Amino acid sequence: MGTDVIVPGYLLENLFSLLDYLDRLARRDDMNSRLADYSPRFETDTAIWDLKMKIMQLRSHIVETYLLTVDCVTVNERQNLMSWVADGYSVYENPYSLHDDKGNPMDFINGCRVGADMAVNHESYFEGLHLVFEDDCHEDDLPF
């Protein structure tokens, strides 16, 4: 995934807008509690709803920017990605919980590609490993 991506200005503006909103939310003055019709539950629910809406607006931009970093995305991979994101998952995680050489989770499309390859060519991924199965264990090998 060594592709350079130029992040559009509007995406950065939306991210900074979201960060400003969260900062204002954290620093706001809760003196409204002295008013007769004040409802902290309503105010909290409204703030959470606003935050969810801002995140949903950014989600499509994040997906499109992510797709610029992956080579040769098929229609099926794109549809699976959209379904994955719609279910609330990140583009930077995969359904197989696969990790790269550095221990970081693989992104969705590359994780799915590796997962599909592992299903077909599983011998090449476990070459040189001695896997112990229950049938291979003998009572003589017990350490006690």
N, C-alpha and C. Protein backbone atom coordinates (compact mmCIF):
# COMPACT_ATOMS: atom_id res chain seq x y z
N MET A 1 0.82 -1.17 0.00
CA MET A 1 0.00 0.00 0.00
C MET A 1 0.87 1.25 0.00
N GLY A 2 1.82 1.34 -0.88
CA GLY A 2 2.73 2.45 -0.91
C GLY A 2 2.29 3.60 -1.79
N THR A 3 1.02 3.78 -2.03
CA THR A 3 0.51 4.83 -2.89
C THR A 3 0.37 6.14 -2.12
N ASP A 4 0.84 7.23 -2.74
CA ASP A 4 0.67 8.55 -2.14
C ASP A 4 -0.72 9.06 -2.47
N VAL A 5 -1.35 9.67 -1.50
CA VAL A 5 -2.71 10.20 -1.70
C VAL A 5 -2.73 11.65 -1.29
N ILE A 6 -3.35 12.46 -2.13
CA ILE A 6 -3.56 13.86 -1.79
C ILE A 6 -4.95 13.97 -1.18
N VAL A 7 -5.01 14.42 0.05
CA VAL A 7 -6.29 14.54 0.75
C VAL A 7 -6.96 15.83 0.31
N PRO A 8 -8.19 15.73 -0.20
CA PRO A 8 -8.89 16.94 -0.64
C PRO A 8 -9.08 17.93 0.51
N GLY A 9 -9.06 19.21 0.17
CA GLY A 9 -9.19 20.25 1.18
C GLY A 9 -10.51 20.20 1.93
N TYR A 10 -11.60 19.86 1.22
CA TYR A 10 -12.90 19.82 1.89
C TYR A 10 -12.95 18.73 2.96
N LEU A 11 -12.22 17.64 2.75
CA LEU A 11 -12.18 16.58 3.76
C LEU A 11 -11.46 17.07 5.01
N LEU A 12 -10.35 17.74 4.82
CA LEU A 12 -9.63 18.29 5.97
C LEU A 12 -10.46 19.35 6.68
N GLU A 13 -11.18 20.16 5.92
CA GLU A 13 -12.05 21.16 6.54
C GLU A 13 -13.13 20.49 7.39
N ASN A 14 -13.70 19.40 6.88
CA ASN A 14 -14.72 18.68 7.64
C ASN A 14 -14.14 18.05 8.90
N LEU A 15 -12.94 17.52 8.80
CA LEU A 15 -12.30 16.93 9.98
C LEU A 15 -12.01 18.00 11.03
N PHE A 16 -11.48 19.12 10.59
CA PHE A 16 -11.20 20.20 11.53
C PHE A 16 -12.49 20.76 12.13
N SER A 17 -13.53 20.81 11.34
CA SER A 17 -14.83 21.26 11.84
C SER A 17 -15.34 20.32 12.93
N LEU A 18 -15.19 19.03 12.72
CA LEU A 18 -15.60 18.05 13.72
C LEU A 18 -14.77 18.20 15.00
N LEU A 19 -13.46 18.39 14.84
CA LEU A 19 -12.60 18.58 16.02
C LEU A 19 -12.96 19.86 16.77
N ASP A 20 -13.25 20.93 16.04
CA ASP A 20 -13.68 22.18 16.70
C ASP A 20 -14.98 21.97 17.46
N TYR A 21 -15.91 21.23 16.85
CA TYR A 21 -17.18 20.94 17.50
C TYR A 21 -16.96 20.17 18.80
N LEU A 22 -16.11 19.16 18.76
CA LEU A 22 -15.84 18.37 19.96
C LEU A 22 -15.16 19.21 21.03
N ASP A 23 -14.27 20.11 20.60
CA ASP A 23 -13.60 20.99 21.55
C ASP A 23 -14.60 21.94 22.21
N ARG A 24 -15.50 22.51 21.42
CA ARG A 24 -16.52 23.40 21.98
C ARG A 24 -17.44 22.63 22.93
N LEU A 25 -17.76 21.40 22.57
CA LEU A 25 -18.63 20.57 23.41
C LEU A 25 -17.96 20.28 24.75
N ALA A 26 -16.66 20.06 24.73
CA ALA A 26 -15.94 19.75 25.97
C ALA A 26 -15.79 20.97 26.86
N ARG A 27 -15.74 22.18 26.27
CA ARG A 27 -15.51 23.39 27.05
C ARG A 27 -16.76 24.19 27.34
N ARG A 28 -17.91 23.71 26.94
CA ARG A 28 -19.12 24.52 27.08
C ARG A 28 -19.50 24.73 28.55
N ASP A 29 -20.22 25.79 28.77
CA ASP A 29 -20.65 26.16 30.11
C ASP A 29 -22.03 25.56 30.36
N ASP A 30 -22.17 24.76 31.37
CA ASP A 30 -23.43 24.10 31.67
C ASP A 30 -24.28 24.91 32.65
N MET A 31 -24.25 26.21 32.52
CA MET A 31 -25.03 27.06 33.40
C MET A 31 -26.52 27.03 33.04
N ASN A 32 -26.87 26.38 31.93
CA ASN A 32 -28.28 26.30 31.53
C ASN A 32 -29.10 25.51 32.55
N SER A 33 -28.44 24.81 33.44
CA SER A 33 -29.15 23.97 34.40
C SER A 33 -30.01 24.80 35.36
N ARG A 34 -29.78 26.11 35.40
CA ARG A 34 -30.58 26.97 36.28
C ARG A 34 -31.92 27.35 35.67
N LEU A 35 -32.08 27.12 34.38
CA LEU A 35 -33.33 27.47 33.71
C LEU A 35 -34.42 26.48 34.09
N ALA A 36 -35.66 26.94 34.10
CA ALA A 36 -36.78 26.11 34.55
C ALA A 36 -37.04 24.93 33.63
N ASP A 37 -36.89 25.11 32.31
CA ASP A 37 -37.22 24.03 31.39
C ASP A 37 -35.98 23.29 30.87
N TYR A 38 -34.89 23.39 31.59
CA TYR A 38 -33.64 22.75 31.16
C TYR A 38 -33.74 21.23 31.29
N SER A 39 -33.29 20.53 30.25
CA SER A 39 -33.27 19.07 30.26
C SER A 39 -31.88 18.59 29.85
N PRO A 40 -31.07 18.14 30.81
CA PRO A 40 -29.72 17.69 30.45
C PRO A 40 -29.76 16.48 29.51
N ARG A 41 -30.76 15.65 29.66
CA ARG A 41 -30.89 14.47 28.80
C ARG A 41 -31.10 14.90 27.35
N PHE A 42 -31.99 15.88 27.14
CA PHE A 42 -32.27 16.37 25.79
C PHE A 42 -31.02 17.00 25.18
N GLU A 43 -30.30 17.79 25.97
CA GLU A 43 -29.10 18.45 25.48
C GLU A 43 -28.02 17.43 25.11
N THR A 44 -27.85 16.40 25.92
CA THR A 44 -26.88 15.36 25.63
C THR A 44 -27.28 14.58 24.39
N ASP A 45 -28.55 14.21 24.28
CA ASP A 45 -29.02 13.48 23.11
C ASP A 45 -28.84 14.28 21.84
N THR A 46 -29.08 15.57 21.90
CA THR A 46 -28.91 16.44 20.74
C THR A 46 -27.43 16.51 20.34
N ALA A 47 -26.54 16.63 21.31
CA ALA A 47 -25.11 16.69 21.02
C ALA A 47 -24.63 15.39 20.40
N ILE A 48 -25.10 14.27 20.90
CA ILE A 48 -24.70 12.97 20.35
C ILE A 48 -25.24 12.82 18.93
N TRP A 49 -26.47 13.24 18.70
CA TRP A 49 -27.05 13.17 17.36
C TRP A 49 -26.25 14.03 16.39
N ASP A 50 -25.87 15.25 16.80
CA ASP A 50 -25.06 16.12 15.95
C ASP A 50 -23.73 15.46 15.61
N LEU A 51 -23.11 14.84 16.60
CA LEU A 51 -21.83 14.18 16.38
C LEU A 51 -21.98 13.02 15.40
N LYS A 52 -23.02 12.22 15.56
CA LYS A 52 -23.24 11.10 14.64
C LYS A 52 -23.44 11.59 13.21
N MET A 53 -24.17 12.68 13.04
CA MET A 53 -24.40 13.22 11.70
C MET A 53 -23.10 13.72 11.08
N LYS A 54 -22.26 14.36 11.85
CA LYS A 54 -20.98 14.83 11.33
C LYS A 54 -20.09 13.67 10.94
N ILE A 55 -20.07 12.61 11.74
CA ILE A 55 -19.27 11.43 11.42
C ILE A 55 -19.79 10.75 10.16
N MET A 56 -21.09 10.65 10.00
CA MET A 56 -21.66 10.03 8.80
C MET A 56 -21.32 10.84 7.55
N GLN A 57 -21.27 12.16 7.67
CA GLN A 57 -20.89 12.98 6.53
C GLN A 57 -19.44 12.73 6.13
N LEU A 58 -18.59 12.50 7.11
CA LEU A 58 -17.18 12.27 6.83
C LEU A 58 -16.90 10.85 6.33
N ARG A 59 -17.75 9.91 6.69
CA ARG A 59 -17.51 8.50 6.36
C ARG A 59 -17.33 8.27 4.87
N SER A 60 -18.19 8.86 4.05
CA SER A 60 -18.08 8.65 2.61
C SER A 60 -16.79 9.25 2.06
N HIS A 61 -16.37 10.38 2.61
CA HIS A 61 -15.11 10.99 2.17
C HIS A 61 -13.93 10.11 2.55
N ILE A 62 -13.98 9.52 3.72
CA ILE A 62 -12.90 8.64 4.17
C ILE A 62 -12.81 7.41 3.28
N VAL A 63 -13.96 6.83 2.91
CA VAL A 63 -13.98 5.65 2.04
C VAL A 63 -13.40 5.99 0.68
N GLU A 64 -13.81 7.10 0.11
CA GLU A 64 -13.30 7.49 -1.21
C GLU A 64 -11.80 7.75 -1.17
N THR A 65 -11.31 8.38 -0.13
CA THR A 65 -9.88 8.62 0.01
C THR A 65 -9.13 7.30 0.18
N TYR A 66 -9.70 6.38 0.96
CA TYR A 66 -9.10 5.06 1.14
C TYR A 66 -9.01 4.30 -0.19
N LEU A 67 -10.07 4.37 -0.99
CA LEU A 67 -10.08 3.66 -2.27
C LEU A 67 -8.99 4.15 -3.22
N LEU A 68 -8.55 5.40 -3.05
CA LEU A 68 -7.45 5.91 -3.86
C LEU A 68 -6.12 5.23 -3.53
N THR A 69 -6.01 4.63 -2.35
CA THR A 69 -4.76 4.01 -1.92
C THR A 69 -4.65 2.54 -2.31
N VAL A 70 -5.74 1.95 -2.80
CA VAL A 70 -5.75 0.53 -3.13
C VAL A 70 -5.80 0.37 -4.64
N ASP A 71 -4.93 -0.50 -5.16
CA ASP A 71 -4.87 -0.72 -6.60
C ASP A 71 -5.93 -1.71 -7.08
N CYS A 72 -6.48 -1.45 -8.24
CA CYS A 72 -7.36 -2.38 -8.97
C CYS A 72 -8.51 -2.91 -8.12
N VAL A 73 -9.32 -2.05 -7.59
CA VAL A 73 -10.46 -2.47 -6.77
C VAL A 73 -11.58 -2.94 -7.70
N THR A 74 -12.06 -4.16 -7.46
CA THR A 74 -13.14 -4.70 -8.27
C THR A 74 -14.48 -4.17 -7.78
N VAL A 75 -15.50 -4.36 -8.60
CA VAL A 75 -16.85 -3.93 -8.23
C VAL A 75 -17.31 -4.70 -6.99
N ASN A 76 -17.02 -5.99 -6.94
CA ASN A 76 -17.40 -6.82 -5.79
C ASN A 76 -16.70 -6.36 -4.51
N GLU A 77 -15.41 -6.04 -4.61
CA GLU A 77 -14.67 -5.55 -3.44
C GLU A 77 -15.24 -4.22 -2.96
N ARG A 78 -15.59 -3.37 -3.90
CA ARG A 78 -16.16 -2.07 -3.54
C ARG A 78 -17.51 -2.23 -2.84
N GLN A 79 -18.35 -3.13 -3.37
CA GLN A 79 -19.65 -3.37 -2.74
C GLN A 79 -19.49 -3.96 -1.34
N ASN A 80 -18.56 -4.90 -1.20
CA ASN A 80 -18.30 -5.49 0.13
C ASN A 80 -17.79 -4.44 1.10
N LEU A 81 -16.94 -3.54 0.61
CA LEU A 81 -16.43 -2.46 1.46
C LEU A 81 -17.56 -1.54 1.91
N MET A 82 -18.43 -1.18 1.00
CA MET A 82 -19.55 -0.29 1.35
C MET A 82 -20.47 -0.95 2.37
N SER A 83 -20.70 -2.24 2.22
CA SER A 83 -21.52 -2.98 3.18
C SER A 83 -20.83 -3.03 4.55
N TRP A 84 -19.52 -3.26 4.54
CA TRP A 84 -18.71 -3.31 5.77
C TRP A 84 -18.79 -1.98 6.52
N VAL A 85 -18.62 -0.89 5.79
CA VAL A 85 -18.65 0.44 6.40
C VAL A 85 -20.07 0.77 6.88
N ALA A 86 -21.07 0.37 6.11
CA ALA A 86 -22.46 0.63 6.51
C ALA A 86 -22.81 -0.10 7.81
N ASP A 87 -22.13 -1.22 8.07
CA ASP A 87 -22.36 -1.96 9.31
C ASP A 87 -21.63 -1.33 10.50
N GLY A 88 -20.88 -0.24 10.24
CA GLY A 88 -20.23 0.49 11.32
C GLY A 88 -18.77 0.17 11.52
N TYR A 89 -18.18 -0.60 10.62
CA TYR A 89 -16.77 -0.95 10.75
C TYR A 89 -15.90 0.06 10.01
N SER A 90 -14.61 0.03 10.31
CA SER A 90 -13.66 0.94 9.69
C SER A 90 -13.06 0.31 8.43
N VAL A 91 -12.62 1.16 7.51
CA VAL A 91 -11.93 0.65 6.32
C VAL A 91 -10.55 0.12 6.69
N TYR A 92 -10.09 0.43 7.88
CA TYR A 92 -8.76 0.01 8.31
C TYR A 92 -8.78 -1.22 9.21
N GLU A 93 -9.83 -2.04 9.09
CA GLU A 93 -9.89 -3.34 9.75
C GLU A 93 -10.55 -4.32 8.79
N ASN A 94 -10.39 -5.60 9.05
CA ASN A 94 -10.91 -6.60 8.12
C ASN A 94 -11.64 -7.69 8.89
N PRO A 95 -12.51 -8.43 8.19
CA PRO A 95 -13.34 -9.43 8.88
C PRO A 95 -12.55 -10.64 9.37
N TYR A 96 -11.32 -10.81 8.90
CA TYR A 96 -10.52 -11.97 9.30
C TYR A 96 -9.57 -11.66 10.45
N SER A 97 -9.56 -10.41 10.89
CA SER A 97 -8.63 -9.95 11.94
C SER A 97 -7.18 -10.24 11.58
N LEU A 98 -6.84 -10.08 10.30
CA LEU A 98 -5.48 -10.30 9.83
C LEU A 98 -4.63 -9.07 10.12
N HIS A 99 -3.35 -9.31 10.41
CA HIS A 99 -2.41 -8.23 10.71
C HIS A 99 -1.24 -8.30 9.76
N ASP A 100 -0.58 -7.17 9.54
CA ASP A 100 0.59 -7.16 8.67
C ASP A 100 1.84 -7.59 9.44
N ASP A 101 3.00 -7.49 8.79
CA ASP A 101 4.26 -7.92 9.40
C ASP A 101 4.62 -7.13 10.65
N LYS A 102 4.12 -5.90 10.76
CA LYS A 102 4.42 -5.06 11.91
C LYS A 102 3.42 -5.24 13.04
N GLY A 103 2.40 -6.07 12.83
CA GLY A 103 1.40 -6.31 13.87
C GLY A 103 0.20 -5.38 13.81
N ASN A 104 0.14 -4.54 12.77
CA ASN A 104 -0.99 -3.63 12.61
C ASN A 104 -2.11 -4.33 11.84
N PRO A 105 -3.37 -4.03 12.16
CA PRO A 105 -4.46 -4.65 11.41
C PRO A 105 -4.39 -4.25 9.93
N MET A 106 -4.68 -5.20 9.06
CA MET A 106 -4.70 -4.91 7.63
C MET A 106 -5.99 -4.18 7.29
N ASP A 107 -5.92 -3.35 6.26
CA ASP A 107 -7.12 -2.66 5.81
C ASP A 107 -8.10 -3.66 5.19
N PHE A 108 -9.32 -3.23 4.93
CA PHE A 108 -10.39 -4.14 4.52
C PHE A 108 -10.07 -4.89 3.23
N ILE A 109 -9.77 -4.18 2.15
CA ILE A 109 -9.60 -4.84 0.86
C ILE A 109 -8.38 -5.74 0.85
N ASN A 110 -7.25 -5.26 1.34
CA ASN A 110 -6.06 -6.11 1.37
C ASN A 110 -6.24 -7.28 2.33
N GLY A 111 -6.93 -7.07 3.44
CA GLY A 111 -7.21 -8.17 4.36
C GLY A 111 -8.09 -9.23 3.72
N CYS A 112 -9.09 -8.80 2.95
CA CYS A 112 -9.96 -9.76 2.26
C CYS A 112 -9.21 -10.49 1.16
N ARG A 113 -8.32 -9.79 0.47
CA ARG A 113 -7.52 -10.44 -0.57
C ARG A 113 -6.61 -11.50 0.03
N VAL A 114 -5.95 -11.17 1.13
CA VAL A 114 -5.07 -12.14 1.79
C VAL A 114 -5.89 -13.28 2.37
N GLY A 115 -7.05 -12.98 2.95
CA GLY A 115 -7.91 -14.02 3.51
C GLY A 115 -8.38 -15.00 2.44
N ALA A 116 -8.75 -14.48 1.27
CA ALA A 116 -9.18 -15.35 0.17
C ALA A 116 -8.00 -16.19 -0.33
N ASP A 117 -6.81 -15.59 -0.40
CA ASP A 117 -5.63 -16.33 -0.84
C ASP A 117 -5.25 -17.40 0.19
N MET A 118 -5.41 -17.10 1.46
CA MET A 118 -5.11 -18.09 2.51
C MET A 118 -6.06 -19.28 2.42
N ALA A 119 -7.30 -19.04 2.03
CA ALA A 119 -8.26 -20.14 1.91
C ALA A 119 -7.88 -21.07 0.77
N VAL A 120 -7.30 -20.52 -0.30
CA VAL A 120 -6.93 -21.33 -1.45
C VAL A 120 -5.53 -21.92 -1.30
N ASN A 121 -4.58 -21.13 -0.85
CA ASN A 121 -3.18 -21.54 -0.76
C ASN A 121 -2.70 -21.61 0.68
N HIS A 122 -3.45 -22.26 1.53
CA HIS A 122 -3.10 -22.25 2.95
C HIS A 122 -1.76 -22.92 3.23
N GLU A 123 -1.31 -23.83 2.37
CA GLU A 123 -0.02 -24.50 2.61
C GLU A 123 1.14 -23.51 2.58
N SER A 124 1.07 -22.52 1.69
CA SER A 124 2.18 -21.57 1.57
C SER A 124 2.27 -20.61 2.76
N TYR A 125 1.20 -20.45 3.51
CA TYR A 125 1.22 -19.56 4.67
C TYR A 125 1.74 -20.26 5.92
N PHE A 126 1.67 -21.57 5.95
CA PHE A 126 2.07 -22.31 7.14
C PHE A 126 3.24 -23.24 6.86
N GLU A 127 4.03 -22.93 5.82
CA GLU A 127 5.20 -23.72 5.47
C GLU A 127 6.22 -23.69 6.59
N GLY A 128 6.79 -24.81 6.91
CA GLY A 128 7.84 -24.87 7.91
C GLY A 128 7.35 -24.89 9.34
N LEU A 129 6.07 -24.76 9.56
CA LEU A 129 5.53 -24.82 10.91
C LEU A 129 5.14 -26.25 11.22
N HIS A 130 5.47 -26.69 12.39
CA HIS A 130 5.05 -28.02 12.82
C HIS A 130 3.80 -27.84 13.68
N LEU A 131 2.68 -28.18 13.09
CA LEU A 131 1.42 -28.05 13.80
C LEU A 131 1.14 -29.34 14.53
N VAL A 132 0.76 -29.26 15.78
CA VAL A 132 0.48 -30.44 16.59
C VAL A 132 -1.03 -30.61 16.70
N PHE A 133 -1.49 -31.76 16.30
CA PHE A 133 -2.90 -32.08 16.39
C PHE A 133 -3.10 -33.08 17.51
N GLU A 134 -4.31 -33.25 17.96
CA GLU A 134 -4.61 -34.15 19.07
C GLU A 134 -4.16 -35.57 18.78
N ASP A 135 -4.25 -36.00 17.53
CA ASP A 135 -3.86 -37.36 17.17
C ASP A 135 -2.36 -37.58 17.34
N ASP A 136 -1.57 -36.51 17.26
CA ASP A 136 -0.12 -36.62 17.38
C ASP A 136 0.34 -36.73 18.82
N CYS A 137 -0.49 -36.43 19.78
CA CYS A 137 -0.11 -36.45 21.18
C CYS A 137 -0.16 -37.88 21.72
N HIS A 138 0.83 -38.22 22.48
CA HIS A 138 0.88 -39.55 23.11
C HIS A 138 1.02 -39.36 24.61
N GLU A 139 0.56 -40.32 25.34
CA GLU A 139 0.65 -40.23 26.80
C GLU A 139 2.09 -40.23 27.27
N ASP A 140 3.00 -40.81 26.48
CA ASP A 140 4.42 -40.84 26.86
C ASP A 140 5.05 -39.46 26.85
N ASP A 141 4.46 -38.51 26.12
CA ASP A 141 5.02 -37.17 25.99
C ASP A 141 4.62 -36.25 27.13
N LEU A 142 3.86 -36.71 28.08
CA LEU A 142 3.42 -35.86 29.17
C LEU A 142 4.60 -35.49 30.05
N PRO A 143 4.71 -34.23 30.47
CA PRO A 143 5.86 -33.81 31.26
C PRO A 143 5.78 -34.22 32.73
N PHE A 144 4.72 -34.78 33.20
CA PHE A 144 4.64 -35.14 34.63
C PHE A 144 4.38 -36.61 34.82
